[in-house]
Amino acid sequence: MKKILVLFILSFLFVANTNTCFAEKSFEDKKKEIVAVYNSNNTEEAYKMISKMAEDERDYELWYLLGNLSQDLNNDTNAAFFWQKAILMNPEFDKAHYNLANVYLKEKRYNSAIREYKLAIKYKKDFAYYYYNLGCAYLGLKDYKEAKSSFEKAIRLKSNVADFYYNLAFACKNLRDEKCMKTALENYEKYKDKEEI
């Protein structure tokens, strides 16, 4: 009986030492653990872990991750709120501007989307999808000239994406630019069945 009691106490101490309370860990250790859980596709658990932290304990990257997790859980309203919190902490965080813009685009709030895409571009000028989605927002406003310009910038940065050409063709069609439309459609056909590199 004494041996069983000793084994029980030792096993309890081992578990207590290996399962250090999340609240007692350093910020960096918490963050690493949350990212590891997120990377293992355990969305709900990662969300719970961040939610347990005090708001003033979170940095802009955790607010951003919380936004991504909310979107993964189909809650765009919370996602937008969390990305706004990330932006408040780091106004130059292009990814948060981009994700927030995508929510606005989905909600057909085109002017808000354009504002956020432009901010994302301001802080990272060489990411083709920022220009592409900016073009899509301009299409929503039927501003085909700006849409065309945005799609052309996206293509200069990444020339092998069929959707870029398809939307460029649509903008050119609405601008009555037959030559542009024809060239864009030819490139669309060239890339539509190829995998992006």
N, C-alpha and C. Protein backbone atom coordinates (compact mmCIF):
# COMPACT_ATOMS: atom_id res chain seq x y z
N MET A 1 0.83 -1.19 0.00
CA MET A 1 0.00 0.00 0.00
C MET A 1 0.87 1.24 0.00
N LYS A 2 1.98 1.17 0.78
CA LYS A 2 2.88 2.30 0.87
C LYS A 2 3.50 2.59 -0.49
N LYS A 3 3.87 1.53 -1.23
CA LYS A 3 4.47 1.69 -2.56
C LYS A 3 3.47 2.34 -3.52
N ILE A 4 2.23 1.95 -3.45
CA ILE A 4 1.20 2.53 -4.32
C ILE A 4 1.04 4.01 -4.03
N LEU A 5 1.04 4.36 -2.75
CA LEU A 5 0.91 5.76 -2.36
C LEU A 5 2.09 6.58 -2.86
N VAL A 6 3.31 6.04 -2.75
CA VAL A 6 4.51 6.73 -3.23
C VAL A 6 4.44 6.90 -4.74
N LEU A 7 4.06 5.85 -5.47
CA LEU A 7 3.92 5.93 -6.92
C LEU A 7 2.87 6.97 -7.32
N PHE A 8 1.77 7.02 -6.58
CA PHE A 8 0.73 7.98 -6.87
C PHE A 8 1.25 9.41 -6.69
N ILE A 9 1.95 9.66 -5.61
CA ILE A 9 2.50 11.00 -5.34
C ILE A 9 3.53 11.38 -6.40
N LEU A 10 4.42 10.44 -6.76
CA LEU A 10 5.43 10.72 -7.78
C LEU A 10 4.78 11.00 -9.15
N SER A 11 3.78 10.21 -9.49
CA SER A 11 3.12 10.46 -10.78
C SER A 11 2.39 11.79 -10.77
N PHE A 12 1.80 12.16 -9.63
CA PHE A 12 1.14 13.46 -9.53
C PHE A 12 2.15 14.59 -9.69
N LEU A 13 3.29 14.48 -9.05
CA LEU A 13 4.33 15.51 -9.16
C LEU A 13 4.86 15.60 -10.58
N PHE A 14 5.02 14.45 -11.24
CA PHE A 14 5.50 14.45 -12.62
C PHE A 14 4.51 15.18 -13.53
N VAL A 15 3.24 14.85 -13.41
CA VAL A 15 2.21 15.49 -14.23
C VAL A 15 2.15 16.98 -13.92
N ALA A 16 2.24 17.34 -12.67
CA ALA A 16 2.19 18.76 -12.28
C ALA A 16 3.37 19.52 -12.88
N ASN A 17 4.54 18.90 -12.92
CA ASN A 17 5.73 19.57 -13.48
C ASN A 17 5.68 19.66 -14.99
N THR A 18 5.13 18.64 -15.66
CA THR A 18 5.11 18.67 -17.12
C THR A 18 3.95 19.51 -17.65
N ASN A 19 2.92 19.67 -16.87
CA ASN A 19 1.77 20.48 -17.29
C ASN A 19 1.77 21.82 -16.56
N THR A 20 2.87 22.52 -16.65
CA THR A 20 2.95 23.82 -16.02
C THR A 20 1.75 24.64 -16.46
N CYS A 21 1.15 25.27 -15.52
CA CYS A 21 -0.04 26.07 -15.78
C CYS A 21 0.25 27.10 -16.88
N PHE A 22 -0.65 27.19 -17.84
CA PHE A 22 -0.49 28.12 -18.96
C PHE A 22 -0.28 29.54 -18.45
N ALA A 23 -1.00 29.90 -17.40
CA ALA A 23 -0.91 31.26 -16.85
C ALA A 23 0.47 31.57 -16.28
N GLU A 24 1.20 30.54 -15.87
CA GLU A 24 2.51 30.75 -15.26
C GLU A 24 3.65 30.85 -16.29
N LYS A 25 3.37 30.55 -17.53
CA LYS A 25 4.41 30.55 -18.56
C LYS A 25 4.74 31.98 -18.98
N SER A 26 5.94 32.15 -19.52
CA SER A 26 6.32 33.46 -20.05
C SER A 26 5.50 33.76 -21.30
N PHE A 27 5.44 35.03 -21.67
CA PHE A 27 4.69 35.43 -22.86
C PHE A 27 5.18 34.67 -24.09
N GLU A 28 6.49 34.61 -24.27
CA GLU A 28 7.04 33.94 -25.45
C GLU A 28 6.70 32.45 -25.46
N ASP A 29 6.74 31.82 -24.29
CA ASP A 29 6.37 30.40 -24.23
C ASP A 29 4.89 30.19 -24.55
N LYS A 30 4.05 31.08 -24.03
CA LYS A 30 2.61 31.00 -24.34
C LYS A 30 2.39 31.15 -25.85
N LYS A 31 3.06 32.13 -26.41
CA LYS A 31 2.90 32.41 -27.84
C LYS A 31 3.35 31.22 -28.67
N LYS A 32 4.50 30.64 -28.33
CA LYS A 32 4.99 29.46 -29.06
C LYS A 32 4.01 28.31 -28.95
N GLU A 33 3.46 28.11 -27.77
CA GLU A 33 2.51 27.02 -27.56
C GLU A 33 1.23 27.25 -28.38
N ILE A 34 0.75 28.48 -28.39
CA ILE A 34 -0.46 28.81 -29.16
C ILE A 34 -0.21 28.58 -30.65
N VAL A 35 0.92 29.05 -31.14
CA VAL A 35 1.24 28.88 -32.56
C VAL A 35 1.36 27.40 -32.91
N ALA A 36 1.97 26.62 -32.02
CA ALA A 36 2.10 25.17 -32.26
C ALA A 36 0.71 24.52 -32.33
N VAL A 37 -0.17 24.90 -31.44
CA VAL A 37 -1.53 24.35 -31.45
C VAL A 37 -2.26 24.78 -32.72
N TYR A 38 -2.11 26.05 -33.10
CA TYR A 38 -2.72 26.56 -34.34
C TYR A 38 -2.19 25.81 -35.55
N ASN A 39 -0.87 25.61 -35.61
CA ASN A 39 -0.25 24.91 -36.74
C ASN A 39 -0.65 23.44 -36.81
N SER A 40 -1.12 22.90 -35.70
CA SER A 40 -1.60 21.51 -35.70
C SER A 40 -3.09 21.44 -36.08
N ASN A 41 -3.62 22.58 -36.55
CA ASN A 41 -5.01 22.70 -37.00
C ASN A 41 -6.03 22.50 -35.89
N ASN A 42 -5.64 22.79 -34.67
CA ASN A 42 -6.57 22.72 -33.55
C ASN A 42 -7.08 24.13 -33.29
N THR A 43 -7.92 24.60 -34.18
CA THR A 43 -8.40 25.98 -34.17
C THR A 43 -9.09 26.36 -32.87
N GLU A 44 -10.03 25.54 -32.44
CA GLU A 44 -10.79 25.87 -31.23
C GLU A 44 -9.90 25.95 -30.00
N GLU A 45 -8.95 25.04 -29.88
CA GLU A 45 -8.06 25.05 -28.71
C GLU A 45 -7.16 26.29 -28.73
N ALA A 46 -6.62 26.64 -29.91
CA ALA A 46 -5.79 27.85 -30.01
C ALA A 46 -6.60 29.08 -29.66
N TYR A 47 -7.84 29.13 -30.12
CA TYR A 47 -8.73 30.26 -29.80
C TYR A 47 -8.94 30.37 -28.29
N LYS A 48 -9.21 29.24 -27.65
CA LYS A 48 -9.42 29.23 -26.20
C LYS A 48 -8.17 29.70 -25.47
N MET A 49 -7.00 29.26 -25.93
CA MET A 49 -5.75 29.62 -25.26
C MET A 49 -5.52 31.13 -25.30
N ILE A 50 -5.75 31.74 -26.46
CA ILE A 50 -5.57 33.19 -26.57
C ILE A 50 -6.63 33.90 -25.74
N SER A 51 -7.85 33.39 -25.78
CA SER A 51 -8.94 34.02 -25.03
C SER A 51 -8.70 34.01 -23.53
N LYS A 52 -7.94 33.05 -23.04
CA LYS A 52 -7.63 33.00 -21.61
C LYS A 52 -6.66 34.09 -21.19
N MET A 53 -5.92 34.63 -22.14
CA MET A 53 -4.94 35.67 -21.83
C MET A 53 -5.67 37.00 -21.64
N ALA A 54 -5.15 37.82 -20.75
CA ALA A 54 -5.70 39.16 -20.58
C ALA A 54 -5.45 39.95 -21.86
N GLU A 55 -6.36 40.85 -22.20
CA GLU A 55 -6.22 41.61 -23.44
C GLU A 55 -4.91 42.38 -23.49
N ASP A 56 -4.49 42.95 -22.38
CA ASP A 56 -3.24 43.73 -22.39
C ASP A 56 -2.00 42.85 -22.43
N GLU A 57 -2.21 41.55 -22.38
CA GLU A 57 -1.12 40.59 -22.47
C GLU A 57 -0.83 40.20 -23.92
N ARG A 58 -1.76 40.48 -24.82
CA ARG A 58 -1.63 40.08 -26.22
C ARG A 58 -0.86 41.13 -27.02
N ASP A 59 -0.03 40.66 -27.92
CA ASP A 59 0.64 41.58 -28.84
C ASP A 59 -0.13 41.59 -30.16
N TYR A 60 0.32 42.40 -31.11
CA TYR A 60 -0.42 42.54 -32.37
C TYR A 60 -0.49 41.22 -33.13
N GLU A 61 0.52 40.38 -33.01
CA GLU A 61 0.50 39.09 -33.73
C GLU A 61 -0.56 38.15 -33.15
N LEU A 62 -0.76 38.19 -31.84
CA LEU A 62 -1.80 37.36 -31.24
C LEU A 62 -3.19 37.88 -31.58
N TRP A 63 -3.35 39.21 -31.64
CA TRP A 63 -4.64 39.76 -32.09
C TRP A 63 -4.90 39.32 -33.54
N TYR A 64 -3.87 39.37 -34.36
CA TYR A 64 -3.99 38.94 -35.76
C TYR A 64 -4.37 37.46 -35.83
N LEU A 65 -3.69 36.64 -35.06
CA LEU A 65 -3.98 35.21 -35.04
C LEU A 65 -5.41 34.96 -34.54
N LEU A 66 -5.83 35.71 -33.54
CA LEU A 66 -7.19 35.59 -33.04
C LEU A 66 -8.20 35.93 -34.14
N GLY A 67 -7.86 36.92 -34.97
CA GLY A 67 -8.71 37.23 -36.12
C GLY A 67 -8.76 36.08 -37.10
N ASN A 68 -7.62 35.50 -37.40
CA ASN A 68 -7.57 34.35 -38.32
C ASN A 68 -8.39 33.18 -37.76
N LEU A 69 -8.24 32.93 -36.47
CA LEU A 69 -8.98 31.85 -35.83
C LEU A 69 -10.48 32.11 -35.89
N SER A 70 -10.87 33.35 -35.66
CA SER A 70 -12.30 33.70 -35.72
C SER A 70 -12.84 33.46 -37.12
N GLN A 71 -12.05 33.84 -38.11
CA GLN A 71 -12.49 33.62 -39.49
C GLN A 71 -12.59 32.12 -39.77
N ASP A 72 -11.62 31.35 -39.29
CA ASP A 72 -11.67 29.90 -39.45
C ASP A 72 -12.93 29.32 -38.82
N LEU A 73 -13.41 29.97 -37.75
CA LEU A 73 -14.62 29.53 -37.05
C LEU A 73 -15.86 30.22 -37.62
N ASN A 74 -15.72 30.82 -38.80
CA ASN A 74 -16.83 31.45 -39.54
C ASN A 74 -17.45 32.64 -38.81
N ASN A 75 -16.61 33.44 -38.15
CA ASN A 75 -17.11 34.63 -37.48
C ASN A 75 -16.32 35.84 -38.00
N ASP A 76 -16.74 36.35 -39.15
CA ASP A 76 -16.05 37.49 -39.77
C ASP A 76 -16.15 38.76 -38.94
N THR A 77 -17.24 38.92 -38.20
CA THR A 77 -17.41 40.12 -37.38
C THR A 77 -16.32 40.17 -36.31
N ASN A 78 -16.12 39.07 -35.60
CA ASN A 78 -15.05 39.03 -34.59
C ASN A 78 -13.69 39.14 -35.25
N ALA A 79 -13.52 38.48 -36.39
CA ALA A 79 -12.23 38.53 -37.08
C ALA A 79 -11.86 39.96 -37.41
N ALA A 80 -12.81 40.72 -37.96
CA ALA A 80 -12.55 42.12 -38.31
C ALA A 80 -12.17 42.92 -37.07
N PHE A 81 -12.88 42.70 -35.98
CA PHE A 81 -12.59 43.40 -34.73
C PHE A 81 -11.17 43.11 -34.26
N PHE A 82 -10.78 41.84 -34.30
CA PHE A 82 -9.45 41.46 -33.83
C PHE A 82 -8.35 42.01 -34.74
N TRP A 83 -8.59 42.02 -36.05
CA TRP A 83 -7.59 42.60 -36.96
C TRP A 83 -7.47 44.10 -36.74
N GLN A 84 -8.58 44.75 -36.41
CA GLN A 84 -8.51 46.17 -36.08
C GLN A 84 -7.67 46.39 -34.83
N LYS A 85 -7.79 45.50 -33.86
CA LYS A 85 -6.96 45.59 -32.64
C LYS A 85 -5.48 45.42 -33.00
N ALA A 86 -5.18 44.50 -33.88
CA ALA A 86 -3.79 44.29 -34.32
C ALA A 86 -3.26 45.55 -34.99
N ILE A 87 -4.08 46.17 -35.82
CA ILE A 87 -3.68 47.39 -36.53
C ILE A 87 -3.46 48.54 -35.55
N LEU A 88 -4.29 48.63 -34.52
CA LEU A 88 -4.09 49.67 -33.51
C LEU A 88 -2.72 49.54 -32.83
N MET A 89 -2.30 48.29 -32.62
CA MET A 89 -1.01 48.05 -31.98
C MET A 89 0.16 48.21 -32.95
N ASN A 90 -0.09 47.90 -34.23
CA ASN A 90 0.95 48.01 -35.25
C ASN A 90 0.31 48.47 -36.56
N PRO A 91 0.19 49.80 -36.75
CA PRO A 91 -0.49 50.33 -37.94
C PRO A 91 0.16 49.91 -39.26
N GLU A 92 1.39 49.45 -39.24
CA GLU A 92 2.09 49.06 -40.47
C GLU A 92 2.00 47.57 -40.75
N PHE A 93 1.14 46.87 -40.05
CA PHE A 93 1.01 45.42 -40.21
C PHE A 93 0.13 45.12 -41.42
N ASP A 94 0.78 44.94 -42.56
CA ASP A 94 0.08 44.80 -43.84
C ASP A 94 -0.90 43.64 -43.87
N LYS A 95 -0.57 42.52 -43.27
CA LYS A 95 -1.44 41.35 -43.33
C LYS A 95 -2.78 41.60 -42.65
N ALA A 96 -2.77 42.35 -41.56
CA ALA A 96 -4.03 42.67 -40.87
C ALA A 96 -4.88 43.59 -41.73
N HIS A 97 -4.25 44.58 -42.38
CA HIS A 97 -5.00 45.45 -43.29
C HIS A 97 -5.62 44.63 -44.42
N TYR A 98 -4.84 43.71 -44.97
CA TYR A 98 -5.30 42.88 -46.08
C TYR A 98 -6.49 42.00 -45.67
N ASN A 99 -6.36 41.32 -44.54
CA ASN A 99 -7.45 40.45 -44.10
C ASN A 99 -8.71 41.24 -43.78
N LEU A 100 -8.53 42.40 -43.16
CA LEU A 100 -9.67 43.26 -42.87
C LEU A 100 -10.33 43.72 -44.18
N ALA A 101 -9.52 44.08 -45.15
CA ALA A 101 -10.03 44.49 -46.47
C ALA A 101 -10.83 43.35 -47.11
N ASN A 102 -10.35 42.13 -46.96
CA ASN A 102 -11.06 40.99 -47.55
C ASN A 102 -12.45 40.82 -46.95
N VAL A 103 -12.58 41.08 -45.65
CA VAL A 103 -13.91 41.02 -45.02
C VAL A 103 -14.79 42.11 -45.61
N TYR A 104 -14.25 43.31 -45.73
CA TYR A 104 -15.03 44.41 -46.31
C TYR A 104 -15.43 44.10 -47.75
N LEU A 105 -14.53 43.51 -48.51
CA LEU A 105 -14.85 43.15 -49.90
C LEU A 105 -15.99 42.14 -49.93
N LYS A 106 -15.92 41.15 -49.06
CA LYS A 106 -16.96 40.13 -48.98
C LYS A 106 -18.31 40.75 -48.61
N GLU A 107 -18.27 41.78 -47.76
CA GLU A 107 -19.49 42.47 -47.32
C GLU A 107 -19.93 43.55 -48.32
N LYS A 108 -19.21 43.69 -49.43
CA LYS A 108 -19.47 44.69 -50.46
C LYS A 108 -19.33 46.12 -49.94
N ARG A 109 -18.46 46.29 -48.98
CA ARG A 109 -18.11 47.62 -48.46
C ARG A 109 -16.83 48.04 -49.20
N TYR A 110 -17.02 48.36 -50.46
CA TYR A 110 -15.89 48.53 -51.38
C TYR A 110 -14.96 49.68 -51.00
N ASN A 111 -15.50 50.80 -50.59
CA ASN A 111 -14.63 51.93 -50.23
C ASN A 111 -13.75 51.60 -49.01
N SER A 112 -14.33 50.91 -48.04
CA SER A 112 -13.54 50.49 -46.87
C SER A 112 -12.48 49.47 -47.28
N ALA A 113 -12.85 48.56 -48.17
CA ALA A 113 -11.90 47.56 -48.66
C ALA A 113 -10.74 48.25 -49.38
N ILE A 114 -11.06 49.21 -50.25
CA ILE A 114 -10.03 49.93 -51.00
C ILE A 114 -9.06 50.64 -50.05
N ARG A 115 -9.62 51.28 -49.04
CA ARG A 115 -8.77 51.98 -48.05
C ARG A 115 -7.78 50.99 -47.41
N GLU A 116 -8.27 49.84 -46.99
CA GLU A 116 -7.42 48.86 -46.31
C GLU A 116 -6.42 48.22 -47.27
N TYR A 117 -6.83 47.93 -48.51
CA TYR A 117 -5.88 47.37 -49.47
C TYR A 117 -4.76 48.37 -49.75
N LYS A 118 -5.12 49.63 -49.87
CA LYS A 118 -4.10 50.65 -50.12
C LYS A 118 -3.12 50.74 -48.95
N LEU A 119 -3.61 50.58 -47.73
CA LEU A 119 -2.71 50.58 -46.57
C LEU A 119 -1.81 49.34 -46.59
N ALA A 120 -2.36 48.20 -46.94
CA ALA A 120 -1.54 46.99 -47.04
C ALA A 120 -0.44 47.20 -48.07
N ILE A 121 -0.79 47.80 -49.21
CA ILE A 121 0.19 48.06 -50.28
C ILE A 121 1.23 49.07 -49.82
N LYS A 122 0.80 50.06 -49.06
CA LYS A 122 1.74 51.08 -48.56
C LYS A 122 2.87 50.43 -47.76
N TYR A 123 2.53 49.38 -47.01
CA TYR A 123 3.52 48.74 -46.14
C TYR A 123 4.19 47.52 -46.77
N LYS A 124 3.63 47.02 -47.87
CA LYS A 124 4.25 45.91 -48.60
C LYS A 124 3.86 46.04 -50.06
N LYS A 125 4.72 46.66 -50.81
CA LYS A 125 4.42 47.04 -52.18
C LYS A 125 4.56 45.91 -53.20
N ASP A 126 5.14 44.79 -52.80
CA ASP A 126 5.47 43.76 -53.78
C ASP A 126 4.64 42.48 -53.66
N PHE A 127 3.45 42.56 -53.10
CA PHE A 127 2.61 41.38 -52.97
C PHE A 127 1.45 41.49 -53.96
N ALA A 128 1.47 40.65 -54.97
CA ALA A 128 0.54 40.74 -56.10
C ALA A 128 -0.93 40.68 -55.69
N TYR A 129 -1.26 39.87 -54.70
CA TYR A 129 -2.66 39.69 -54.33
C TYR A 129 -3.26 40.94 -53.69
N TYR A 130 -2.43 41.80 -53.12
CA TYR A 130 -2.95 43.07 -52.59
C TYR A 130 -3.51 43.89 -53.75
N TYR A 131 -2.78 43.95 -54.86
CA TYR A 131 -3.23 44.71 -56.03
C TYR A 131 -4.43 44.03 -56.69
N TYR A 132 -4.36 42.70 -56.77
CA TYR A 132 -5.46 41.96 -57.38
C TYR A 132 -6.77 42.22 -56.64
N ASN A 133 -6.77 42.08 -55.32
CA ASN A 133 -8.00 42.28 -54.56
C ASN A 133 -8.42 43.75 -54.57
N LEU A 134 -7.45 44.65 -54.63
CA LEU A 134 -7.78 46.07 -54.80
C LEU A 134 -8.55 46.25 -56.11
N GLY A 135 -8.09 45.59 -57.16
CA GLY A 135 -8.79 45.64 -58.44
C GLY A 135 -10.20 45.09 -58.33
N CYS A 136 -10.36 44.01 -57.58
CA CYS A 136 -11.70 43.43 -57.39
C CYS A 136 -12.63 44.41 -56.67
N ALA A 137 -12.09 45.15 -55.70
CA ALA A 137 -12.90 46.16 -55.00
C ALA A 137 -13.31 47.27 -55.96
N TYR A 138 -12.38 47.68 -56.83
CA TYR A 138 -12.73 48.69 -57.84
C TYR A 138 -13.79 48.17 -58.81
N LEU A 139 -13.72 46.88 -59.15
CA LEU A 139 -14.77 46.31 -59.99
C LEU A 139 -16.13 46.44 -59.31
N GLY A 140 -16.15 46.23 -58.00
CA GLY A 140 -17.40 46.37 -57.25
C GLY A 140 -17.99 47.76 -57.36
N LEU A 141 -17.13 48.75 -57.48
CA LEU A 141 -17.59 50.14 -57.65
C LEU A 141 -17.80 50.51 -59.12
N LYS A 142 -17.53 49.55 -59.99
CA LYS A 142 -17.58 49.78 -61.45
C LYS A 142 -16.58 50.84 -61.90
N ASP A 143 -15.49 50.95 -61.18
CA ASP A 143 -14.39 51.85 -61.56
C ASP A 143 -13.38 51.01 -62.34
N TYR A 144 -13.69 50.80 -63.61
CA TYR A 144 -12.95 49.86 -64.43
C TYR A 144 -11.54 50.35 -64.75
N LYS A 145 -11.36 51.65 -64.81
CA LYS A 145 -10.02 52.19 -65.08
C LYS A 145 -9.06 51.86 -63.93
N GLU A 146 -9.50 52.09 -62.70
CA GLU A 146 -8.66 51.77 -61.54
C GLU A 146 -8.49 50.25 -61.39
N ALA A 147 -9.55 49.51 -61.70
CA ALA A 147 -9.47 48.05 -61.63
C ALA A 147 -8.41 47.55 -62.60
N LYS A 148 -8.46 48.05 -63.84
CA LYS A 148 -7.47 47.65 -64.85
C LYS A 148 -6.06 47.95 -64.37
N SER A 149 -5.85 49.12 -63.85
CA SER A 149 -4.52 49.51 -63.36
C SER A 149 -4.05 48.58 -62.25
N SER A 150 -4.95 48.23 -61.34
CA SER A 150 -4.59 47.34 -60.22
C SER A 150 -4.25 45.94 -60.71
N PHE A 151 -5.05 45.42 -61.66
CA PHE A 151 -4.78 44.08 -62.19
C PHE A 151 -3.45 44.06 -62.95
N GLU A 152 -3.15 45.12 -63.68
CA GLU A 152 -1.88 45.19 -64.40
C GLU A 152 -0.70 45.19 -63.43
N LYS A 153 -0.84 45.88 -62.30
CA LYS A 153 0.22 45.88 -61.29
C LYS A 153 0.39 44.48 -60.69
N ALA A 154 -0.71 43.81 -60.45
CA ALA A 154 -0.64 42.44 -59.91
C ALA A 154 0.09 41.53 -60.89
N ILE A 155 -0.22 41.68 -62.17
CA ILE A 155 0.40 40.85 -63.21
C ILE A 155 1.90 41.15 -63.32
N ARG A 156 2.29 42.40 -63.17
CA ARG A 156 3.73 42.72 -63.20
C ARG A 156 4.48 42.00 -62.08
N LEU A 157 3.80 41.80 -60.96
CA LEU A 157 4.44 41.13 -59.82
C LEU A 157 4.36 39.61 -59.90
N LYS A 158 3.32 39.09 -60.52
CA LYS A 158 3.12 37.64 -60.61
C LYS A 158 2.33 37.35 -61.88
N SER A 159 3.04 36.98 -62.90
CA SER A 159 2.44 36.92 -64.24
C SER A 159 1.79 35.60 -64.61
N ASN A 160 1.72 34.65 -63.70
CA ASN A 160 1.21 33.33 -64.08
C ASN A 160 -0.11 32.95 -63.39
N VAL A 161 -0.88 33.94 -62.97
CA VAL A 161 -2.13 33.66 -62.27
C VAL A 161 -3.31 33.95 -63.22
N ALA A 162 -4.01 32.92 -63.59
CA ALA A 162 -5.10 33.05 -64.57
C ALA A 162 -6.16 34.06 -64.14
N ASP A 163 -6.54 34.04 -62.87
CA ASP A 163 -7.59 34.96 -62.40
C ASP A 163 -7.23 36.42 -62.62
N PHE A 164 -5.95 36.75 -62.52
CA PHE A 164 -5.53 38.13 -62.75
C PHE A 164 -5.93 38.56 -64.17
N TYR A 165 -5.66 37.69 -65.12
CA TYR A 165 -5.96 37.99 -66.52
C TYR A 165 -7.47 38.00 -66.79
N TYR A 166 -8.18 37.09 -66.16
CA TYR A 166 -9.63 37.02 -66.35
C TYR A 166 -10.28 38.33 -65.91
N ASN A 167 -9.91 38.81 -64.74
CA ASN A 167 -10.48 40.05 -64.24
C ASN A 167 -9.99 41.26 -65.02
N LEU A 168 -8.75 41.21 -65.48
CA LEU A 168 -8.26 42.28 -66.35
C LEU A 168 -9.09 42.32 -67.63
N ALA A 169 -9.39 41.17 -68.20
CA ALA A 169 -10.22 41.11 -69.42
C ALA A 169 -11.59 41.71 -69.16
N PHE A 170 -12.16 41.43 -68.00
CA PHE A 170 -13.47 41.98 -67.66
C PHE A 170 -13.42 43.50 -67.57
N ALA A 171 -12.38 44.03 -66.90
CA ALA A 171 -12.22 45.49 -66.80
C ALA A 171 -12.04 46.10 -68.19
N CYS A 172 -11.20 45.47 -69.01
CA CYS A 172 -10.94 45.98 -70.37
C CYS A 172 -12.21 45.96 -71.22
N LYS A 173 -13.00 44.90 -71.06
CA LYS A 173 -14.26 44.81 -71.80
C LYS A 173 -15.15 46.00 -71.46
N ASN A 174 -15.25 46.32 -70.18
CA ASN A 174 -16.09 47.43 -69.74
C ASN A 174 -15.52 48.78 -70.12
N LEU A 175 -14.22 48.82 -70.40
CA LEU A 175 -13.59 50.06 -70.89
C LEU A 175 -13.61 50.12 -72.41
N ARG A 176 -14.16 49.07 -73.03
CA ARG A 176 -14.22 48.95 -74.49
C ARG A 176 -12.83 48.95 -75.12
N ASP A 177 -11.90 48.33 -74.41
CA ASP A 177 -10.52 48.20 -74.90
C ASP A 177 -10.36 46.77 -75.41
N GLU A 178 -10.73 46.57 -76.68
CA GLU A 178 -10.75 45.24 -77.28
C GLU A 178 -9.38 44.57 -77.30
N LYS A 179 -8.35 45.34 -77.61
CA LYS A 179 -7.00 44.77 -77.69
C LYS A 179 -6.56 44.25 -76.32
N CYS A 180 -6.76 45.05 -75.30
CA CYS A 180 -6.42 44.65 -73.92
C CYS A 180 -7.20 43.41 -73.53
N MET A 181 -8.50 43.40 -73.83
CA MET A 181 -9.35 42.27 -73.48
C MET A 181 -8.87 41.00 -74.18
N LYS A 182 -8.56 41.09 -75.45
CA LYS A 182 -8.12 39.92 -76.22
C LYS A 182 -6.81 39.36 -75.66
N THR A 183 -5.84 40.23 -75.40
CA THR A 183 -4.55 39.79 -74.85
C THR A 183 -4.74 39.15 -73.47
N ALA A 184 -5.58 39.76 -72.64
CA ALA A 184 -5.82 39.23 -71.30
C ALA A 184 -6.47 37.85 -71.37
N LEU A 185 -7.43 37.68 -72.27
CA LEU A 185 -8.08 36.38 -72.41
C LEU A 185 -7.13 35.31 -72.94
N GLU A 186 -6.24 35.70 -73.85
CA GLU A 186 -5.23 34.76 -74.34
C GLU A 186 -4.33 34.29 -73.18
N ASN A 187 -3.92 35.22 -72.34
CA ASN A 187 -3.10 34.86 -71.19
C ASN A 187 -3.88 34.05 -70.16
N TYR A 188 -5.15 34.36 -70.02
CA TYR A 188 -6.00 33.57 -69.14
C TYR A 188 -6.01 32.11 -69.60
N GLU A 189 -6.23 31.90 -70.90
CA GLU A 189 -6.24 30.54 -71.46
C GLU A 189 -4.89 29.85 -71.25
N LYS A 190 -3.83 30.61 -71.37
CA LYS A 190 -2.47 30.07 -71.23
C LYS A 190 -2.23 29.54 -69.81
N TYR A 191 -2.77 30.24 -68.81
CA TYR A 191 -2.46 29.90 -67.41
C TYR A 191 -3.58 29.18 -66.65
N LYS A 192 -4.78 29.11 -67.22
CA LYS A 192 -5.92 28.61 -66.42
C LYS A 192 -5.77 27.17 -65.96
N ASP A 193 -5.07 26.34 -66.69
CA ASP A 193 -4.95 24.93 -66.29
C ASP A 193 -3.58 24.63 -65.66
N LYS A 194 -2.78 25.67 -65.48
CA LYS A 194 -1.46 25.46 -64.90
C LYS A 194 -1.48 25.83 -63.43
N GLU A 195 -0.72 25.08 -62.68
CA GLU A 195 -0.61 25.35 -61.26
C GLU A 195 0.28 26.58 -61.04
N GLU A 196 -0.09 27.40 -60.06
CA GLU A 196 0.75 28.56 -59.72
C GLU A 196 2.07 28.11 -59.16
N ILE A 197 3.08 28.89 -59.47
CA ILE A 197 4.44 28.60 -58.95
C ILE A 197 4.70 29.46 -57.75
